C-alpha atoms as a PDB file:
ATOM      1  CA  MET A   1     129.710  23.308 129.200  1.00  0.00           C
ATOM      2  CA  ASN A   2     131.154  23.857 132.580  1.00  0.00           C
ATOM      3  CA  TYR A   3     129.795  27.405 132.626  1.00  0.00           C
ATOM      4  CA  LEU A   4     126.246  26.273 131.666  1.00  0.00           C
ATOM      5  CA  TYR A   5     126.332  23.602 134.339  1.00  0.00           C
ATOM      6  CA  LYS A   6     127.161  26.212 137.018  1.00  0.00           C
ATOM      7  CA  ILE A   7     124.322  28.483 135.819  1.00  0.00           C
ATOM      8  CA  ALA A   8     121.793  25.576 135.882  1.00  0.00           C
ATOM      9  CA  LYS A   9     122.966  24.550 139.324  1.00  0.00           C
ATOM     10  CA  GLY A  10     122.540  28.133 140.591  1.00  0.00           C
ATOM     11  CA  ILE A  11     119.034  28.338 139.126  1.00  0.00           C
ATOM     12  CA  LYS A  12     118.005  25.045 140.779  1.00  0.00           C
ATOM     13  CA  SER A  13     119.345  26.137 144.156  1.00  0.00           C
ATOM     14  CA  LYS A  14     117.421  29.430 143.903  1.00  0.00           C
ATOM     15  CA  GLN A  15     114.246  27.507 143.047  1.00  0.00           C
ATOM     16  CA  THR A  16     114.615  25.224 146.066  1.00  0.00           C
ATOM     17  CA  LYS A  17     115.235  28.257 148.331  1.00  0.00           C
ATOM     18  CA  LYS A  18     112.071  29.929 146.979  1.00  0.00           C
ATOM     19  CA  LYS A  19     110.054  26.738 147.579  1.00  0.00           C
ATOM     20  CA  ASN A  20     111.376  26.498 151.132  1.00  0.00           C
ATOM     21  CA  ASP A  21     110.578  30.163 151.785  1.00  0.00           C
ATOM     22  CA  LEU A  22     107.092  29.669 150.352  1.00  0.00           C
ATOM     23  CA  ASN A  23     106.518  26.606 152.561  1.00  0.00           C
ATOM     24  CA  LYS A  24     107.738  28.506 155.624  1.00  0.00           C
ATOM     25  CA  GLY A  25     105.324  31.303 154.779  1.00  0.00           C
ATOM     26  CA  PHE A  26     102.416  28.870 154.545  1.00  0.00           C
ATOM     27  CA  VAL A  27     103.375  27.335 157.886  1.00  0.00           C
ATOM     28  CA  VAL A  28     103.531  30.767 159.531  1.00  0.00           C
ATOM     29  CA  LEU A  29     100.166  31.790 158.068  1.00  0.00           C
ATOM     30  CA  THR A  30      98.609  28.487 159.132  1.00  0.00           C
ATOM     31  CA  VAL A  31      99.830  28.850 162.713  1.00  0.00           C
ATOM     32  CA  LEU A  32      98.685  32.466 162.783  1.00  0.00           C
ATOM     33  CA  GLY A  33      95.239  31.518 161.449  1.00  0.00           C
ATOM     34  CA  ILE A  34      94.829  28.726 163.971  1.00  0.00           C
ATOM     35  CA  SER A  35      95.833  30.971 166.874  1.00  0.00           C
ATOM     36  CA  ILE A  36      93.475  33.771 165.790  1.00  0.00           C
ATOM     37  CA  GLY A  37      90.635  31.284 165.232  1.00  0.00           C
ATOM     38  CA  GLY A  38      91.254  29.711 168.636  1.00  0.00           C
ATOM     39  CA  ALA A  39      91.222  33.105 170.336  1.00  0.00           C
ATOM     40  CA  ILE A  40      87.936  34.039 168.654  1.00  0.00           C
ATOM     41  CA  ALA A  41      86.406  30.682 169.571  1.00  0.00           C
ATOM     42  CA  GLY A  42      87.555  31.116 173.180  1.00  0.00           C
ATOM     43  CA  LEU A  43      86.041  34.588 173.420  1.00  0.00           C
ATOM     44  CA  PHE A  44      82.805  33.372 171.864  1.00  0.00           C
ATOM     45  CA  ALA A  45      82.629  30.441 174.273  1.00  0.00           C
ATOM     46  CA  ARG A  46      83.253  32.637 177.308  1.00  0.00           C
ATOM     47  CA  ARG A  47      80.683  35.161 176.198  1.00  0.00           C
ATOM     48  CA  TYR A  48      77.873  32.689 175.541  1.00  0.00           C
ATOM     49  CA  CYS A  49      78.825  29.901 177.953  1.00  0.00           C
ATOM     50  CA  ASP A  50      76.576  31.153 180.781  1.00  0.00           C
ATOM     51  CA  GLU A  51      73.614  31.534 178.445  1.00  0.00           C
ATOM     52  CA  ILE A  52      74.117  28.029 177.100  1.00  0.00           C
ATOM     53  CA  LYS A  53      74.358  26.623 180.642  1.00  0.00           C
ATOM     54  CA  ASP A  54      71.119  28.387 181.623  1.00  0.00           C
ATOM     55  CA  ILE A  55      69.321  26.947 178.608  1.00  0.00           C
ATOM     56  CA  ILE A  56      70.578  23.439 179.315  1.00  0.00           C
ATOM     57  CA  VAL A  57      69.740  23.620 183.032  1.00  0.00           C
ATOM     58  CA  SER A  58      66.264  25.056 182.439  1.00  0.00           C
ATOM     59  CA  ASN A  59      65.492  22.362 179.853  1.00  0.00           C
ATOM     60  CA  ALA A  60      66.671  19.674 182.245  1.00  0.00           C
ATOM     61  CA  LYS A  61      64.511  21.077 185.057  1.00  0.00           C
ATOM     62  CA  ASP A  62      61.468  21.249 182.798  1.00  0.00           C
ATOM     63  CA  SER A  63      61.876  17.667 181.641  1.00  0.00           C
ATOM     64  CA  ASP A  64      62.326  16.422 185.239  1.00  0.00           C
ATOM     65  CA  TYR A  65      59.252  18.363 186.261  1.00  0.00           C
ATOM     66  CA  ASN A  66      57.169  16.857 183.470  1.00  0.00           C
ATOM     67  CA  GLU A  67      58.374  13.333 184.222  1.00  0.00           C
ATOM     68  CA  ASP A  68      57.590  13.753 187.934  1.00  0.00           C
ATOM     69  CA  ASN A  69      54.091  15.015 187.151  1.00  0.00           C
ATOM     70  CA  GLN A  70      53.455  12.129 184.787  1.00  0.00           C
ATOM     71  CA  ASP A  71      54.658   9.642 187.397  1.00  0.00           C
ATOM     72  CA  ASN A  72      52.435  11.210 190.070  1.00  0.00           C
ATOM     73  CA  GLU A  73      49.431  11.153 187.741  1.00  0.00           C
ATOM     74  CA  GLU A  74      50.000   7.476 186.948  1.00  0.00           C
ATOM     75  CA  ILE A  75      50.339   6.647 190.648  1.00  0.00           C
ATOM     76  CA  ASN A  76      47.129   8.535 191.446  1.00  0.00           C
ATOM     77  CA  ILE A  77      45.269   6.711 188.663  1.00  0.00           C
ATOM     78  CA  LYS A  78      46.461   3.343 189.976  1.00  0.00           C
ATOM     79  CA  ARG A  79      45.438   4.282 193.531  1.00  0.00           C
ATOM     80  CA  GLU A  80      41.968   5.250 192.333  1.00  0.00           C
ATOM     81  CA  GLU A  81      41.631   1.929 190.504  1.00  0.00           C
ATOM     82  CA  ILE A  82      42.651   0.046 193.638  1.00  0.00           C
ATOM     83  CA  LYS A  83      40.127   2.000 195.724  1.00  0.00           C
ATOM     84  CA  GLU A  84      37.349   1.261 193.237  1.00  0.00           C
ATOM     85  CA  THR A  85      38.238  -2.425 193.174  1.00  0.00           C
ATOM     86  CA  LEU A  86      38.291  -2.667 196.959  1.00  0.00           C
ATOM     87  CA  ASN A  87      35.008  -0.806 197.315  1.00  0.00           C
ATOM     88  CA  SER A  88      33.227  -2.976 194.744  1.00  0.00           C
ATOM     89  CA  ALA A  89      34.462  -6.286 196.193  1.00  0.00           C
ATOM     90  CA  PRO A  90      32.638  -7.872 199.128  1.00  0.00           C
ATOM     91  CA  ASP A  91      34.478  -7.851 202.468  1.00  0.00           C
ATOM     92  CA  LYS A  92      34.806 -11.628 202.620  1.00  0.00           C
ATOM     93  CA  SER A  93      36.559 -11.916 199.260  1.00  0.00           C
ATOM     94  CA  VAL A  94      39.025  -9.092 199.937  1.00  0.00           C
ATOM     95  CA  GLY A  95      41.108 -11.058 202.416  1.00  0.00           C
ATOM     96  CA  ASP A  96      44.278 -10.005 204.248  1.00  0.00           C
ATOM     97  CA  VAL A  97      45.922  -8.441 201.225  1.00  0.00           C
ATOM     98  CA  GLY A  98      42.920  -6.243 200.492  1.00  0.00           C
ATOM     99  CA  VAL A  99      42.725  -5.077 204.109  1.00  0.00           C
ATOM    100  CA  ALA A 100      46.431  -4.261 204.089  1.00  0.00           C
ATOM    101  CA  MET A 101      46.003  -2.297 200.873  1.00  0.00           C
ATOM    102  CA  GLU A 102      43.086  -0.338 202.342  1.00  0.00           C
ATOM    103  CA  LYS A 103      45.138   0.544 205.423  1.00  0.00           C
ATOM    104  CA  ALA A 104      48.101   1.611 203.264  1.00  0.00           C
ATOM    105  CA  ILE A 105      45.905   3.840 201.111  1.00  0.00           C
ATOM    106  CA  GLU A 106      44.329   5.407 204.204  1.00  0.00           C
ATOM    107  CA  ASP A 107      47.799   6.026 205.676  1.00  0.00           C
ATOM    108  CA  LEU A 108      48.920   7.722 202.450  1.00  0.00           C
ATOM    109  CA  GLU A 109      45.848   9.942 202.442  1.00  0.00           C
ATOM    110  CA  ASP A 110      46.486  10.888 206.090  1.00  0.00           C
ATOM    111  CA  GLU A 111      50.106  11.768 205.251  1.00  0.00           C
ATOM    112  CA  LYS A 112      48.977  13.929 202.330  1.00  0.00           C
ATOM    113  CA  GLU A 113      46.544  15.777 204.575  1.00  0.00           C
ATOM    114  CA  ASN A 114      49.253  16.335 207.219  1.00  0.00           C
ATOM    115  CA  VAL A 115      51.669  17.655 204.595  1.00  0.00           C
ATOM    116  CA  ALA A 116      48.973  19.893 203.116  1.00  0.00           C
ATOM    117  CA  ILE A 117      48.167  21.307 206.573  1.00  0.00           C
ATOM    118  CA  ASN A 118      51.807  22.036 207.399  1.00  0.00           C
END
């Protein structure tokens, strides 16, 4: 029985060594795969990073441009409504506020003309 016990013990120790070697192999392959994947991802990012930045910047510029145009259009519409209201109202009912608004609108138009000339 002593002899069988030694053989069983030797077999178990060989099995544990094989399991440890197998686990070490998986760890090595995992680290190798992660490093290769990281290198490929880094190269991909470097290669296409400028293109991605250009796309993002151009989209941001376009959206700012559209928002500015919409804001300017809304402001112009409101100015036109104010002009129409002031023109349709009699001078006596306009009062100080109406006169101030007329002067401000005239000043804005003068500034636009000066900017357009320059």
